[in-house]
Structures are given as structure tokens and as C-alpha cells.
PDB file of N, CA and C in Angstrom:
ATOM      1  N   MET A   1       7.617 227.246  42.619  1.00  0.00           N
ATOM      2  CA  MET A   1       8.662 226.335  43.440  1.00  0.00           C
ATOM      3  C   MET A   1       8.922 225.247  41.811  1.00  0.00           C
ATOM      4  N   ASN A   2      10.090 224.551  41.615  1.00  0.00           N
ATOM      5  CA  ASN A   2      10.053 224.251  40.342  1.00  0.00           C
ATOM      6  C   ASN A   2       9.504 222.683  40.797  1.00  0.00           C
ATOM      7  N   THR A   3       9.864 221.511  39.714  1.00  0.00           N
ATOM      8  CA  THR A   3       9.500 220.302  40.100  1.00  0.00           C
ATOM      9  C   THR A   3      10.638 219.420  41.021  1.00  0.00           C
ATOM     10  N   TYR A   4      11.389 219.676  41.419  1.00  0.00           N
ATOM     11  CA  TYR A   4      12.333 218.784  41.791  1.00  0.00           C
ATOM     12  C   TYR A   4      11.896 219.255  43.353  1.00  0.00           C
ATOM     13  N   LYS A   5      12.003 220.484  43.391  1.00  0.00           N
ATOM     14  CA  LYS A   5      11.850 220.977  45.330  1.00  0.00           C
ATOM     15  C   LYS A   5      10.080 219.887  45.838  1.00  0.00           C
ATOM     16  N   LYS A   6       9.084 220.374  44.747  1.00  0.00           N
ATOM     17  CA  LYS A   6       7.891 219.259  44.911  1.00  0.00           C
ATOM     18  C   LYS A   6       8.522 217.773  44.870  1.00  0.00           C
ATOM     19  N   GLU A   7       9.281 217.546  44.547  1.00  0.00           N
ATOM     20  CA  GLU A   7       9.307 215.767  44.274  1.00  0.00           C
ATOM     21  C   GLU A   7      10.299 215.920  45.994  1.00  0.00           C
ATOM     22  N   VAL A   8      10.720 216.268  46.482  1.00  0.00           N
ATOM     23  CA  VAL A   8      11.216 216.532  47.319  1.00  0.00           C
ATOM     24  C   VAL A   8      10.694 216.398  48.345  1.00  0.00           C
ATOM     25  N   LYS A   9      10.023 217.488  48.164  1.00  0.00           N
ATOM     26  CA  LYS A   9       8.836 217.930  49.710  1.00  0.00           C
ATOM     27  C   LYS A   9       7.676 216.419  49.999  1.00  0.00           C
ATOM     28  N   ALA A  10       7.585 216.093  48.757  1.00  0.00           N
ATOM     29  CA  ALA A  10       6.497 214.672  48.849  1.00  0.00           C
ATOM     30  C   ALA A  10       7.047 213.748  49.147  1.00  0.00           C
ATOM     31  N   CYS A  11       8.395 213.571  49.183  1.00  0.00           N
ATOM     32  CA  CYS A  11       8.758 212.331  48.952  1.00  0.00           C
ATOM     33  C   CYS A  11       9.359 212.582  51.051  1.00  0.00           C
ATOM     34  N   ILE A  12       9.875 213.530  51.525  1.00  0.00           N
ATOM     35  CA  ILE A  12       9.954 214.247  53.142  1.00  0.00           C
ATOM     36  C   ILE A  12       8.980 213.622  53.504  1.00  0.00           C
ATOM     37  N   ASN A  13       7.736 214.082  53.218  1.00  0.00           N
ATOM     38  CA  ASN A  13       6.427 214.562  53.841  1.00  0.00           C
ATOM     39  C   ASN A  13       5.898 213.150  54.138  1.00  0.00           C
ATOM     40  N   TYR A  14       6.210 212.098  52.566  1.00  0.00           N
ATOM     41  CA  TYR A  14       5.355 210.648  53.014  1.00  0.00           C
ATOM     42  C   TYR A  14       5.976 209.835  53.873  1.00  0.00           C
ATOM     43  N   PHE A  15       7.443 209.742  53.820  1.00  0.00           N
ATOM     44  CA  PHE A  15       9.014 208.986  54.738  1.00  0.00           C
ATOM     45  C   PHE A  15       8.011 209.568  56.055  1.00  0.00           C
ATOM     46  N   GLY A  16       7.821 211.099  56.708  1.00  0.00           N
ATOM     47  CA  GLY A  16       7.214 211.432  57.694  1.00  0.00           C
ATOM     48  C   GLY A  16       5.896 210.529  58.267  1.00  0.00           C
ATOM     49  N   TYR A  17       5.014 210.116  57.148  1.00  0.00           N
ATOM     50  CA  TYR A  17       3.752 209.638  57.532  1.00  0.00           C
ATOM     51  C   TYR A  17       3.964 207.997  57.829  1.00  0.00           C
ATOM     52  N   LEU A  18       5.046 207.726  56.644  1.00  0.00           N
ATOM     53  CA  LEU A  18       5.013 206.316  57.173  1.00  0.00           C
ATOM     54  C   LEU A  18       5.636 205.477  58.298  1.00  0.00           C
ATOM     55  N   ILE A  19       6.279 206.454  58.616  1.00  0.00           N
ATOM     56  CA  ILE A  19       6.648 206.048  59.858  1.00  0.00           C
ATOM     57  C   ILE A  19       5.873 206.498  61.190  1.00  0.00           C
ATOM     58  N   GLU A  20       5.141 207.193  61.194  1.00  0.00           N
ATOM     59  CA  GLU A  20       4.067 207.913  61.849  1.00  0.00           C
ATOM     60  C   GLU A  20       3.078 206.671  61.866  1.00  0.00           C
ATOM     61  N   HIS A  21       2.670 205.850  60.665  1.00  0.00           N
ATOM     62  CA  HIS A  21       1.896 205.005  60.272  1.00  0.00           C
ATOM     63  C   HIS A  21       2.338 203.777  60.953  1.00  0.00           C
ATOM     64  N   LYS A  22       3.714 203.442  61.022  1.00  0.00           N
ATOM     65  CA  LYS A  22       4.860 202.520  61.389  1.00  0.00           C
ATOM     66  C   LYS A  22       4.475 202.223  63.074  1.00  0.00           C
ATOM     67  N   VAL A  23       4.952 203.234  63.597  1.00  0.00           N
ATOM     68  CA  VAL A  23       5.017 203.233  64.699  1.00  0.00           C
ATOM     69  C   VAL A  23       3.712 202.750  65.824  1.00  0.00           C
ATOM     70  N   GLU A  24       2.106 203.318  64.826  1.00  0.00           N
ATOM     71  CA  GLU A  24       1.112 203.160  65.484  1.00  0.00           C
ATOM     72  C   GLU A  24       0.895 202.108  64.952  1.00  0.00           C
ATOM     73  N   VAL A  25       0.770 201.618  64.436  1.00  0.00           N
ATOM     74  CA  VAL A  25       0.656 199.869  63.955  1.00  0.00           C
ATOM     75  C   VAL A  25       1.302 199.115  64.686  1.00  0.00           C
ATOM     76  N   ALA A  26       2.912 199.436  64.900  1.00  0.00           N
ATOM     77  CA  ALA A  26       3.248 197.949  66.072  1.00  0.00           C
ATOM     78  C   ALA A  26       3.558 198.458  67.497  1.00  0.00           C
ATOM     79  N   LYS A  27       2.967 199.831  67.776  1.00  0.00           N
ATOM     80  CA  LYS A  27       2.217 199.737  69.330  1.00  0.00           C
ATOM     81  C   LYS A  27       0.977 199.186  69.623  1.00  0.00           C
ATOM     82  N   ARG A  28       0.073 199.307  68.459  1.00  0.00           N
ATOM     83  CA  ARG A  28      -1.300 197.896  68.781  1.00  0.00           C
ATOM     84  C   ARG A  28      -0.871 196.665  68.649  1.00  0.00           C
ATOM     85  N   CYS A  29       0.165 196.655  67.907  1.00  0.00           N
ATOM     86  CA  CYS A  29       0.630 194.994  67.345  1.00  0.00           C
ATOM     87  C   CYS A  29       1.057 194.485  68.698  1.00  0.00           C
ATOM     88  N   PHE A  30       1.859 195.445  69.103  1.00  0.00           N
ATOM     89  CA  PHE A  30       2.163 194.623  70.791  1.00  0.00           C
ATOM     90  C   PHE A  30       1.881 194.263  71.588  1.00  0.00           C
ATOM     91  N   LYS A  31       1.218 195.269  71.715  1.00  0.00           N
ATOM     92  CA  LYS A  31       0.128 194.986  73.077  1.00  0.00           C
ATOM     93  C   LYS A  31      -1.046 193.525  72.894  1.00  0.00           C
ATOM     94  N   GLU A  32      -1.051 193.568  71.395  1.00  0.00           N
ATOM     95  CA  GLU A  32      -1.638 192.227  71.071  1.00  0.00           C
ATOM     96  C   GLU A  32      -0.759 190.970  71.441  1.00  0.00           C
ATOM     97  N   GLY A  33       0.805 191.423  71.138  1.00  0.00           N
ATOM     98  CA  GLY A  33       1.749 189.737  71.729  1.00  0.00           C
ATOM     99  C   GLY A  33       2.112 189.801  69.745  1.00  0.00           C
ATOM    100  N   LEU A  34       1.775 190.317  68.786  1.00  0.00           N
ATOM    101  CA  LEU A  34       2.225 190.328  67.314  1.00  0.00           C
ATOM    102  C   LEU A  34       3.312 191.567  66.871  1.00  0.00           C
ATOM    103  N   TYR A  35       4.574 190.699  67.518  1.00  0.00           N
ATOM    104  CA  TYR A  35       6.224 191.288  67.517  1.00  0.00           C
ATOM    105  C   TYR A  35       5.948 191.510  66.189  1.00  0.00           C
ATOM    106  N   LEU A  36       6.387 190.427  65.145  1.00  0.00           N
ATOM    107  CA  LEU A  36       6.678 190.506  63.935  1.00  0.00           C
ATOM    108  C   LEU A  36       5.913 190.879  63.176  1.00  0.00           C
ATOM    109  N   GLN A  37       4.453 190.994  63.303  1.00  0.00           N
ATOM    110  CA  GLN A  37       3.567 191.805  62.523  1.00  0.00           C
ATOM    111  C   GLN A  37       3.476 192.974  62.427  1.00  0.00           C
ATOM    112  N   GLY A  38       3.691 193.300  63.849  1.00  0.00           N
ATOM    113  CA  GLY A  38       4.346 194.839  64.142  1.00  0.00           C
ATOM    114  C   GLY A  38       5.364 195.719  63.665  1.00  0.00           C
ATOM    115  N   LEU A  39       6.458 194.866  63.386  1.00  0.00           N
ATOM    116  CA  LEU A  39       7.875 195.358  62.645  1.00  0.00           C
ATOM    117  C   LEU A  39       7.676 195.104  60.826  1.00  0.00           C
ATOM    118  N   THR A  40       6.815 194.492  60.152  1.00  0.00           N
ATOM    119  CA  THR A  40       6.777 193.873  58.864  1.00  0.00           C
ATOM    120  C   THR A  40       5.410 194.563  58.418  1.00  0.00           C
ATOM    121  N   HIS A  41       4.928 195.395  59.027  1.00  0.00           N
ATOM    122  CA  HIS A  41       3.637 195.915  58.328  1.00  0.00           C
ATOM    123  C   HIS A  41       4.010 196.312  57.384  1.00  0.00           C
ATOM    124  N   ASP A  42       3.813 196.824  55.908  1.00  0.00           N
ATOM    125  CA  ASP A  42       3.643 197.272  54.993  1.00  0.00           C
ATOM    126  C   ASP A  42       5.061 197.668  54.820  1.00  0.00           C
ATOM    127  N   LEU A  43       5.894 196.991  55.102  1.00  0.00           N
ATOM    128  CA  LEU A  43       7.462 197.141  54.789  1.00  0.00           C
ATOM    129  C   LEU A  43       7.650 197.234  53.210  1.00  0.00           C
ATOM    130  N   SER A  44       6.414 197.090  52.480  1.00  0.00           N
ATOM    131  CA  SER A  44       6.473 196.988  50.564  1.00  0.00           C
ATOM    132  C   SER A  44       6.756 198.213  50.305  1.00  0.00           C
ATOM    133  N   LYS A  45       5.985 199.709  51.393  1.00  0.00           N
ATOM    134  CA  LYS A  45       5.846 200.942  50.932  1.00  0.00           C
ATOM    135  C   LYS A  45       7.140 201.559  50.992  1.00  0.00           C
ATOM    136  N   PHE A  46       8.264 200.616  51.515  1.00  0.00           N
ATOM    137  CA  PHE A  46       9.519 201.779  51.120  1.00  0.00           C
ATOM    138  C   PHE A  46      10.253 200.913  50.143  1.00  0.00           C
ATOM    139  N   LEU A  47       9.654 199.907  49.687  1.00  0.00           N
ATOM    140  CA  LEU A  47      10.484 199.645  48.025  1.00  0.00           C
ATOM    141  C   LEU A  47      10.164 200.838  47.415  1.00  0.00           C
ATOM    142  N   PRO A  48      11.353 201.528  46.453  1.00  0.00           N
ATOM    143  CA  PRO A  48      10.981 202.478  45.664  1.00  0.00           C
ATOM    144  C   PRO A  48      10.048 202.821  44.294  1.00  0.00           C
ATOM    145  N   SER A  49       9.947 201.230  43.955  1.00  0.00           N
ATOM    146  CA  SER A  49       8.305 201.092  43.039  1.00  0.00           C
ATOM    147  C   SER A  49       7.369 201.296  43.815  1.00  0.00           C
ATOM    148  N   GLU A  50       7.013 201.524  44.831  1.00  0.00           N
ATOM    149  CA  GLU A  50       6.031 201.512  45.662  1.00  0.00           C
ATOM    150  C   GLU A  50       6.316 203.241  45.948  1.00  0.00           C
ATOM    151  N   TYR A  51       7.045 203.541  46.678  1.00  0.00           N
ATOM    152  CA  TYR A  51       7.575 204.502  47.783  1.00  0.00           C
ATOM    153  C   TYR A  51       6.903 205.755  47.262  1.00  0.00           C
ATOM    154  N   PHE A  52       7.346 205.583  45.789  1.00  0.00           N
ATOM    155  CA  PHE A  52       7.473 207.595  44.721  1.00  0.00           C
ATOM    156  C   PHE A  52       6.527 207.770  44.630  1.00  0.00           C
ATOM    157  N   PRO A  53       5.233 206.486  43.332  1.00  0.00           N
ATOM    158  CA  PRO A  53       3.863 206.847  43.220  1.00  0.00           C
ATOM    159  C   PRO A  53       3.260 207.288  44.274  1.00  0.00           C
ATOM    160  N   PHE A  54       3.400 206.870  45.693  1.00  0.00           N
ATOM    161  CA  PHE A  54       2.346 207.031  46.961  1.00  0.00           C
ATOM    162  C   PHE A  54       3.001 208.208  47.080  1.00  0.00           C
ATOM    163  N   ALA A  55       4.100 208.674  46.790  1.00  0.00           N
ATOM    164  CA  ALA A  55       4.793 209.654  47.508  1.00  0.00           C
ATOM    165  C   ALA A  55       4.048 210.940  46.774  1.00  0.00           C
ATOM    166  N   TYR A  56       4.129 210.699  45.466  1.00  0.00           N
ATOM    167  CA  TYR A  56       3.995 211.814  44.549  1.00  0.00           C
ATOM    168  C   TYR A  56       2.386 211.506  44.767  1.00  0.00           C
ATOM    169  N   LYS A  57       1.290 210.854  44.926  1.00  0.00           N
ATOM    170  CA  LYS A  57       0.070 210.999  44.729  1.00  0.00           C
ATOM    171  C   LYS A  57      -0.483 211.234  45.975  1.00  0.00           C
ATOM    172  N   PHE A  58       0.196 211.038  47.199  1.00  0.00           N
ATOM    173  CA  PHE A  58      -0.748 211.703  48.252  1.00  0.00           C
ATOM    174  C   PHE A  58      -0.130 212.994  48.647  1.00  0.00           C
ATOM    175  N   LYS A  59       1.269 213.406  48.737  1.00  0.00           N
ATOM    176  CA  LYS A  59       1.788 214.369  49.776  1.00  0.00           C
ATOM    177  C   LYS A  59       2.244 215.441  48.250  1.00  0.00           C
ATOM    178  N   TRP A  60       1.980 215.159  47.349  1.00  0.00           N
ATOM    179  CA  TRP A  60       2.366 216.270  46.221  1.00  0.00           C
ATOM    180  C   TRP A  60       1.732 217.346  46.613  1.00  0.00           C
ATOM    181  N   PRO A  61       1.822 218.776  46.507  1.00  0.00           N
ATOM    182  CA  PRO A  61       1.349 219.750  47.215  1.00  0.00           C
ATOM    183  C   PRO A  61       0.291 219.840  45.716  1.00  0.00           C
ATOM    184  N   SER A  62      -1.011 220.730  46.331  1.00  0.00           N
ATOM    185  CA  SER A  62      -2.134 220.730  45.526  1.00  0.00           C
ATOM    186  C   SER A  62      -1.947 220.813  43.836  1.00  0.00           C
ATOM    187  N   GLN A  63      -1.274 222.227  43.804  1.00  0.00           N
ATOM    188  CA  GLN A  63      -1.171 222.701  42.147  1.00  0.00           C
ATOM    189  C   GLN A  63       0.025 222.452  41.775  1.00  0.00           C
ATOM    190  N   LYS A  64      -1.024 220.925  40.701  1.00  0.00           N
ATOM    191  CA  LYS A  64      -0.046 220.354  40.168  1.00  0.00           C
ATOM    192  C   LYS A  64      -0.361 220.757  38.188  1.00  0.00           C
ATOM    193  N   THR A  65       0.690 220.420  37.640  1.00  0.00           N
ATOM    194  CA  THR A  65       0.073 220.253  36.276  1.00  0.00           C
ATOM    195  C   THR A  65      -0.531 219.327  35.903  1.00  0.00           C
ATOM    196  N   ALA A  66      -0.877 219.543  34.387  1.00  0.00           N
ATOM    197  CA  ALA A  66      -1.647 218.911  33.978  1.00  0.00           C
ATOM    198  C   ALA A  66      -0.938 217.204  33.532  1.00  0.00           C
ATOM    199  N   GLU A  67       0.121 217.511  33.059  1.00  0.00           N
ATOM    200  CA  GLU A  67       1.797 216.562  32.586  1.00  0.00           C
ATOM    201  C   GLU A  67       2.201 216.197  34.352  1.00  0.00           C
ATOM    202  N   GLU A  68       1.997 216.877  35.095  1.00  0.00           N
ATOM    203  CA  GLU A  68       2.507 215.900  36.110  1.00  0.00           C
ATOM    204  C   GLU A  68       1.473 215.245  36.736  1.00  0.00           C
ATOM    205  N   ASN A  69      -0.259 215.616  36.731  1.00  0.00           N
ATOM    206  CA  ASN A  69      -1.032 214.602  37.254  1.00  0.00           C
ATOM    207  C   ASN A  69      -1.190 213.193  36.268  1.00  0.00           C
ATOM    208  N   GLU A  70      -1.032 214.020  35.104  1.00  0.00           N
ATOM    209  CA  GLU A  70      -1.249 212.300  34.409  1.00  0.00           C
ATOM    210  C   GLU A  70       0.259 211.560  34.565  1.00  0.00           C
ATOM    211  N   ARG A  71       1.654 211.883  35.009  1.00  0.00           N
ATOM    212  CA  ARG A  71       2.576 211.492  35.577  1.00  0.00           C
ATOM    213  C   ARG A  71       2.173 210.336  36.542  1.00  0.00           C
ATOM    214  N   ILE A  72       1.797 211.399  37.250  1.00  0.00           N
ATOM    215  CA  ILE A  72       1.843 210.967  38.838  1.00  0.00           C
ATOM    216  C   ILE A  72       0.377 209.802  39.222  1.00  0.00           C
ATOM    217  N   GLU A  73      -0.968 209.914  38.042  1.00  0.00           N
ATOM    218  CA  GLU A  73      -1.682 208.895  38.290  1.00  0.00           C
ATOM    219  C   GLU A  73      -1.579 207.694  37.440  1.00  0.00           C
ATOM    220  N   THR A  74      -0.486 207.745  36.053  1.00  0.00           N
ATOM    221  CA  THR A  74       0.653 206.196  35.863  1.00  0.00           C
ATOM    222  C   THR A  74       1.498 205.817  36.701  1.00  0.00           C
ATOM    223  N   ASP A  75       1.703 206.132  37.108  1.00  0.00           N
ATOM    224  CA  ASP A  75       2.789 205.322  37.954  1.00  0.00           C
ATOM    225  C   ASP A  75       1.732 205.211  39.331  1.00  0.00           C
ATOM    226  N   PHE A  76       1.328 205.783  39.807  1.00  0.00           N
ATOM    227  CA  PHE A  76       0.358 205.440  41.171  1.00  0.00           C
ATOM    228  C   PHE A  76      -0.656 203.840  40.442  1.00  0.00           C
ATOM    229  N   ARG A  77      -1.003 204.449  39.238  1.00  0.00           N
ATOM    230  CA  ARG A  77      -2.013 203.229  39.234  1.00  0.00           C
ATOM    231  C   ARG A  77      -1.078 201.730  38.903  1.00  0.00           C
ATOM    232  N   GLN A  78      -0.069 201.873  38.256  1.00  0.00           N
ATOM    233  CA  GLN A  78       1.140 200.800  37.933  1.00  0.00           C
ATOM    234  C   GLN A  78       1.547 200.023  39.672  1.00  0.00           C
ATOM    235  N   ALA A  79       1.946 200.640  40.591  1.00  0.00           N
ATOM    236  CA  ALA A  79       2.424 200.203  42.072  1.00  0.00           C
ATOM    237  C   ALA A  79       1.181 199.678  42.489  1.00  0.00           C
ATOM    238  N   ARG A  80      -0.123 200.659  42.571  1.00  0.00           N
ATOM    239  CA  ARG A  80      -1.057 199.742  43.203  1.00  0.00           C
ATOM    240  C   ARG A  80      -1.601 198.914  42.536  1.00  0.00           C
ATOM    241  N   ASP A  81      -1.292 198.452  41.527  1.00  0.00           N
ATOM    242  CA  ASP A  81      -1.931 196.866  40.862  1.00  0.00           C
ATOM    243  C   ASP A  81      -0.734 195.940  40.813  1.00  0.00           C
ATOM    244  N   LYS A  82       0.417 195.967  41.660  1.00  0.00           N
ATOM    245  CA  LYS A  82       1.493 194.899  41.702  1.00  0.00           C
ATOM    246  C   LYS A  82       1.122 194.348  42.573  1.00  0.00           C
TER     247      LYS A  82
END
């Protein structure tokens, strides 16, 4: 599988994870009457500066080259430390 396909697959998988997470958080917040918090929780995760590094870090297929690992780790650290 070429790198482009890996990146697209990682992004799609991470999007699914984020939506699932947001739905679960919203359900629990709504039960407690925290409507605004339920809707706005983790919205920053959808910004490109956070989305792509996290997608590549957590949803990239496990067979990564050394160069891919290095790039992903660098991008992830920069996004995490913002």
C-alpha cells in the first residue's frame, strides 16, 4: 500500500473515531444538562493542525517505515505541545 493510501485510510479511521467519541461525550453531557459542553467538547481535534498528526499517530497502519515514523512523531509532538 503506498503512502498516500495509508494517509487517507488513517484520516478516515480517525474521523470515525472522533465522531464516535463526540457522540458518546454529547450523550453523557446532555444527560447532565451540559448541552454547550457536549457540543463543543474536543472541537479543536478537527483543526488540521491537530487532526492530521493525531490521525497519523493513532490510526496509521502498524507497518511504518523509519522515515514515516520520524515524520509522524515530529508532527505529533508539535500538535500535542500547542
